Amino acid sequence: MNELRKTFLAGFFAAWETVVDLPLSRSSLSARPPRWAAACFPLLGVVFGGAVLIAGDLCGFFFNPVAGAVIFALAGTVLWELRDSGRGSRLLATCLGECFRGTAWQEALENASSSPDGITIQPAAPIYWIGLAARFLILFALGRSGAGSWLIVIWICGFSLQGMLALESAGPEKQPIFPGGEQGHRALLGMLILSGVCFFLQFPTGTLAAGALYYFACRKGRDLLAGDPDAVNDRIALISAGAEQFWLLLGLLLAL
């Protein structure tokens, strides 16, 4: 049992270190991650979304539902940025900014920047801040209506998308960003389906729509990753950030 726990933690830490910038100590862990470690990517969404949901629920219980919704929205918005140091939001804002300036989307994709300086250039700056404000308001609406668990669905899909693309992408060393092969694909997909079944009763239409969007994002993401291997990590963050905005809007349309 102790060996199984170490193996699981090795897989969880490996998934965490691939897509999350927040530090997590694994100094006492020596086990190598198993090939099914990709199944831990959806679990990251459960951990992050669950933490925000619990914080909002506790605040709502001890104070009032409005305060709980505010804390839920604030914690969700802040953690959304902290988990990848804001790279995804900056990449999406600068890419959209290039498109608004009339740049072809292929070139806008190449010019997308994860640098903090990128969002100081018009029109990326207002796009970035409007995106943060819209995210806060939608999360507040979800928390106020009792549908805050939709954030868990968003992050399950978002982390799973990053994991799937990492399994299929080669970095500068020409090796997959996240090893696992076919077994990793099956493990991730199995955990994603299990997660969908768990949320289907609460969000039947939303879960089906989120699954369809996930399938489309994976198919399109593979095409967008072709090119410079040095830019693969940023491309994955950009693709995930864009897809998560659609899952967020789904929550507003379907989960309320």
Protein backbone atom coordinates (compact mmCIF):
# COMPACT_ATOMS: atom_id res chain seq x y z
CA MET A 1 0.00 0.00 0.00
CA ASN A 2 2.87 2.37 0.81
CA GLU A 3 4.49 1.65 -2.55
CA LEU A 4 1.19 2.28 -4.35
CA ARG A 5 0.82 5.61 -2.54
CA LYS A 6 4.34 6.64 -3.58
CA THR A 7 3.65 5.66 -7.17
CA PHE A 8 0.41 7.65 -7.23
CA LEU A 9 2.07 10.69 -5.69
CA ALA A 10 4.90 10.45 -8.21
CA GLY A 11 2.34 10.57 -11.02
CA PHE A 12 0.44 13.44 -9.41
CA PHE A 13 3.62 15.49 -8.87
CA ALA A 14 4.73 14.82 -12.44
CA ALA A 15 1.41 16.11 -13.80
CA TRP A 16 1.54 19.10 -11.45
CA GLU A 17 5.06 20.09 -12.50
CA THR A 18 4.11 19.87 -16.18
CA VAL A 19 1.24 22.39 -16.15
CA VAL A 20 1.31 24.22 -12.79
CA ASP A 21 3.84 26.91 -11.85
CA LEU A 22 3.05 26.88 -8.14
CA PRO A 23 5.86 25.12 -6.22
CA LEU A 24 5.11 21.75 -4.65
CA SER A 25 7.73 20.00 -2.55
CA ARG A 26 8.51 16.41 -3.52
CA SER A 27 11.84 16.12 -1.71
CA SER A 28 10.81 12.92 0.06
CA LEU A 29 9.55 11.27 -3.12
CA SER A 30 11.90 9.07 -5.12
CA ALA A 31 9.49 6.88 -7.10
CA ARG A 32 9.35 7.34 -10.87
CA PRO A 33 5.98 8.42 -12.28
CA PRO A 34 4.05 5.49 -13.82
CA ARG A 35 2.98 5.47 -17.46
CA TRP A 36 -0.61 6.00 -16.36
CA ALA A 37 0.37 9.24 -14.59
CA ALA A 38 -1.53 11.24 -17.22
CA ALA A 39 -4.71 10.21 -15.39
CA CYS A 40 -3.69 12.75 -12.74
CA PHE A 41 -4.29 15.74 -15.03
CA PRO A 42 -8.09 15.69 -14.46
CA LEU A 43 -7.41 15.28 -10.74
CA LEU A 44 -5.60 18.62 -10.78
CA GLY A 45 -8.86 20.23 -11.82
CA VAL A 46 -10.64 18.53 -8.92
CA VAL A 47 -8.00 19.75 -6.45
CA PHE A 48 -7.91 23.36 -7.66
CA GLY A 49 -11.63 23.71 -8.28
CA GLY A 50 -12.52 21.90 -5.07
CA ALA A 51 -10.30 24.22 -3.01
CA VAL A 52 -12.01 27.32 -4.45
CA LEU A 53 -15.47 25.80 -4.01
CA ILE A 54 -14.79 24.90 -0.36
CA ALA A 55 -13.47 28.40 0.36
CA GLY A 56 -16.62 29.97 -1.08
CA ASP A 57 -18.94 27.54 0.71
CA LEU A 58 -17.25 28.11 4.07
CA CYS A 59 -17.47 31.87 3.68
CA GLY A 60 -21.13 31.58 2.68
CA PHE A 61 -21.84 29.39 5.69
CA PHE A 62 -20.16 31.64 8.27
CA PHE A 63 -21.23 34.98 6.73
CA ASN A 64 -23.83 35.07 3.95
CA PRO A 65 -24.33 33.65 0.42
CA VAL A 66 -23.31 36.89 -1.30
CA ALA A 67 -20.01 37.01 0.60
CA GLY A 68 -19.47 33.36 -0.25
CA ALA A 69 -20.02 34.07 -3.97
CA VAL A 70 -17.59 37.01 -3.83
CA ILE A 71 -14.87 34.92 -2.16
CA PHE A 72 -15.51 32.08 -4.62
CA ALA A 73 -15.18 34.43 -7.61
CA LEU A 74 -12.14 36.22 -6.18
CA ALA A 75 -10.33 33.01 -5.23
CA GLY A 76 -11.16 31.43 -8.59
CA THR A 77 -9.94 34.46 -10.55
CA VAL A 78 -6.70 34.75 -8.57
CA LEU A 79 -5.90 31.03 -8.63
CA TRP A 80 -6.69 30.95 -12.38
CA GLU A 81 -3.78 33.35 -12.85
CA LEU A 82 -1.43 31.93 -10.22
CA ARG A 83 -1.52 28.33 -11.45
CA ASP A 84 0.46 29.23 -14.61
CA SER A 85 1.79 32.66 -13.54
CA GLY A 86 -0.74 34.28 -15.89
CA ARG A 87 0.94 32.92 -19.03
CA GLY A 88 -2.27 31.63 -20.58
CA SER A 89 -4.20 34.87 -20.09
CA ARG A 90 -1.33 37.00 -21.44
CA LEU A 91 -0.86 34.77 -24.46
CA LEU A 92 -4.58 34.88 -25.25
CA ALA A 93 -4.80 38.66 -24.75
CA THR A 94 -1.81 39.42 -26.98
CA CYS A 95 -3.02 36.98 -29.65
CA LEU A 96 -6.48 38.57 -29.71
CA GLY A 97 -4.89 42.01 -29.65
CA GLU A 98 -2.94 41.16 -32.80
CA CYS A 99 -6.15 39.93 -34.46
CA PHE A 100 -7.97 43.17 -33.59
CA ARG A 101 -5.13 45.09 -35.23
CA GLY A 102 -5.84 43.24 -38.47
CA THR A 103 -3.08 40.65 -38.25
CA ALA A 104 -3.83 37.26 -39.82
CA TRP A 105 -4.60 34.74 -37.09
CA GLN A 106 -1.67 32.50 -38.06
CA GLU A 107 0.71 35.43 -37.61
CA ALA A 108 -1.11 36.53 -34.45
CA LEU A 109 -0.52 33.06 -33.06
CA GLU A 110 3.19 33.39 -33.74
CA ASN A 111 3.32 36.87 -32.16
CA ALA A 112 1.45 35.91 -28.98
CA SER A 113 3.59 36.73 -25.96
CA SER A 114 3.59 35.38 -22.42
CA SER A 115 5.74 38.28 -21.20
CA PRO A 116 4.13 40.73 -18.75
CA ASP A 117 5.30 43.51 -21.08
CA GLY A 118 3.04 42.08 -23.80
CA ILE A 119 -0.16 43.21 -22.10
CA THR A 120 1.06 46.81 -21.86
CA ILE A 121 0.63 47.19 -25.63
CA GLN A 122 -2.72 48.28 -27.02
CA PRO A 123 -5.17 46.66 -27.51
CA ALA A 124 -3.87 43.66 -25.50
CA ALA A 125 -4.06 45.56 -22.18
CA PRO A 126 -7.84 46.26 -22.20
CA ILE A 127 -8.52 42.75 -23.51
CA TYR A 128 -6.57 41.27 -20.61
CA TRP A 129 -8.29 43.33 -17.92
CA ILE A 130 -11.75 42.96 -19.45
CA GLY A 131 -11.15 39.21 -19.52
CA LEU A 132 -10.27 39.18 -15.81
CA ALA A 133 -13.33 41.26 -14.92
CA ALA A 134 -15.63 39.07 -17.03
CA ARG A 135 -14.18 35.94 -15.42
CA PHE A 136 -14.83 37.35 -11.94
CA LEU A 137 -18.43 38.28 -12.79
CA ILE A 138 -19.22 34.91 -14.35
CA LEU A 139 -17.70 33.05 -11.41
CA PHE A 140 -19.71 35.26 -9.05
CA ALA A 141 -22.90 34.36 -10.97
CA LEU A 142 -22.00 30.67 -10.76
CA GLY A 143 -21.30 30.88 -7.05
CA ARG A 144 -24.44 32.91 -6.33
CA SER A 145 -26.66 30.43 -8.20
CA GLY A 146 -25.20 27.37 -6.48
CA ALA A 147 -23.46 26.16 -9.64
CA GLY A 148 -19.91 26.80 -8.43
CA SER A 149 -18.92 23.21 -9.09
CA TRP A 150 -18.89 24.11 -12.79
CA LEU A 151 -15.44 25.60 -12.10
CA ILE A 152 -14.25 22.08 -11.32
CA VAL A 153 -15.58 20.97 -14.72
CA ILE A 154 -13.73 23.83 -16.43
CA TRP A 155 -10.43 22.96 -14.79
CA ILE A 156 -10.85 19.22 -15.28
CA CYS A 157 -11.26 19.88 -19.00
CA GLY A 158 -8.49 22.50 -19.10
CA PHE A 159 -5.86 20.42 -17.33
CA SER A 160 -6.88 17.33 -19.32
CA LEU A 161 -6.47 19.26 -22.57
CA GLN A 162 -2.99 20.38 -21.55
CA GLY A 163 -2.13 16.84 -20.52
CA MET A 164 -3.36 15.33 -23.78
CA LEU A 165 -1.42 17.86 -25.86
CA ALA A 166 1.68 17.34 -23.70
CA LEU A 167 1.48 13.60 -24.38
CA GLU A 168 1.44 14.25 -28.12
CA SER A 169 3.90 17.14 -28.34
CA ALA A 170 7.66 17.05 -28.73
CA GLY A 171 9.71 19.74 -27.03
CA PRO A 172 13.14 21.05 -28.03
CA GLU A 173 14.71 17.68 -27.16
CA LYS A 174 12.34 15.94 -29.62
CA GLN A 175 10.85 13.95 -26.74
CA PRO A 176 7.23 14.10 -25.54
CA ILE A 177 6.72 16.83 -22.96
CA PHE A 178 4.94 14.29 -20.78
CA PRO A 179 5.84 10.60 -21.24
CA GLY A 180 3.15 7.96 -21.19
CA GLY A 181 2.45 6.85 -24.73
CA GLU A 182 -0.73 4.97 -25.53
CA GLN A 183 -1.19 3.88 -21.93
CA GLY A 184 -1.09 7.51 -20.85
CA HIS A 185 -3.73 8.42 -23.44
CA ARG A 186 -6.05 5.67 -22.23
CA ALA A 187 -5.54 6.55 -18.57
CA LEU A 188 -6.25 10.25 -19.11
CA LEU A 189 -9.31 9.57 -21.25
CA GLY A 190 -10.65 7.05 -18.74
CA MET A 191 -10.33 9.49 -15.84
CA LEU A 192 -11.90 12.26 -17.94
CA ILE A 193 -14.91 10.06 -18.79
CA LEU A 194 -15.28 9.09 -15.13
CA SER A 195 -15.25 12.76 -14.18
CA GLY A 196 -17.88 13.51 -16.81
CA VAL A 197 -20.15 10.79 -15.44
CA CYS A 198 -19.84 12.29 -11.94
CA PHE A 199 -20.94 15.75 -13.12
CA PHE A 200 -23.51 14.61 -15.69
CA LEU A 201 -26.39 14.48 -13.21
CA GLN A 202 -25.84 18.10 -12.16
CA PHE A 203 -24.99 19.51 -15.60
CA PRO A 204 -26.28 17.06 -18.23
CA THR A 205 -26.34 19.43 -21.21
CA GLY A 206 -23.27 21.32 -20.07
CA THR A 207 -21.23 18.15 -19.58
CA LEU A 208 -22.04 16.92 -23.09
CA ALA A 209 -21.23 20.33 -24.58
CA ALA A 210 -17.98 20.51 -22.60
CA GLY A 211 -17.01 17.05 -23.85
CA ALA A 212 -17.70 18.05 -27.46
CA LEU A 213 -15.60 21.19 -27.03
CA TYR A 214 -12.79 19.14 -25.49
CA TYR A 215 -12.78 16.81 -28.51
CA PHE A 216 -12.68 19.77 -30.91
CA ALA A 217 -9.92 21.51 -28.91
CA CYS A 218 -7.78 18.37 -28.97
CA ARG A 219 -8.21 17.95 -32.73
CA LYS A 220 -7.52 21.61 -33.49
CA GLY A 221 -4.75 21.82 -30.90
CA ARG A 222 -2.71 19.15 -32.64
CA ASP A 223 -2.68 21.26 -35.80
CA LEU A 224 -1.71 24.44 -33.97
CA LEU A 225 1.22 22.73 -32.24
CA ALA A 226 2.99 21.99 -35.49
CA GLY A 227 6.00 24.25 -35.95
CA ASP A 228 8.72 25.57 -33.68
CA PRO A 229 9.31 23.01 -30.86
CA ASP A 230 10.62 25.80 -28.61
CA ALA A 231 7.15 27.38 -28.61
CA VAL A 232 5.21 24.21 -27.76
CA ASN A 233 4.71 25.01 -24.06
CA ASP A 234 3.33 28.47 -24.84
CA ARG A 235 1.11 27.06 -27.58
CA ILE A 236 -0.37 24.51 -25.17
CA ALA A 237 -1.01 27.26 -22.60
CA LEU A 238 -2.65 29.45 -25.27
CA ILE A 239 -4.88 26.67 -26.59
CA SER A 240 -5.97 25.73 -23.08
CA ALA A 241 -6.63 29.37 -22.12
CA GLY A 242 -8.82 29.87 -25.18
CA ALA A 243 -10.78 26.67 -24.61
CA GLU A 244 -11.31 27.50 -20.93
CA GLN A 245 -13.01 30.76 -21.89
CA PHE A 246 -15.56 28.77 -23.90
CA TRP A 247 -16.09 26.36 -20.99
CA LEU A 248 -16.60 29.39 -18.74
CA LEU A 249 -19.24 30.78 -21.10
CA LEU A 250 -20.87 27.35 -21.19
CA GLY A 251 -21.20 27.63 -17.44
CA LEU A 252 -23.00 30.93 -17.80
CA LEU A 253 -25.34 29.60 -20.50
CA LEU A 254 -25.98 26.06 -19.33
CA ALA A 255 -25.12 25.66 -15.67
CA LEU A 256 -27.26 28.47 -14.33
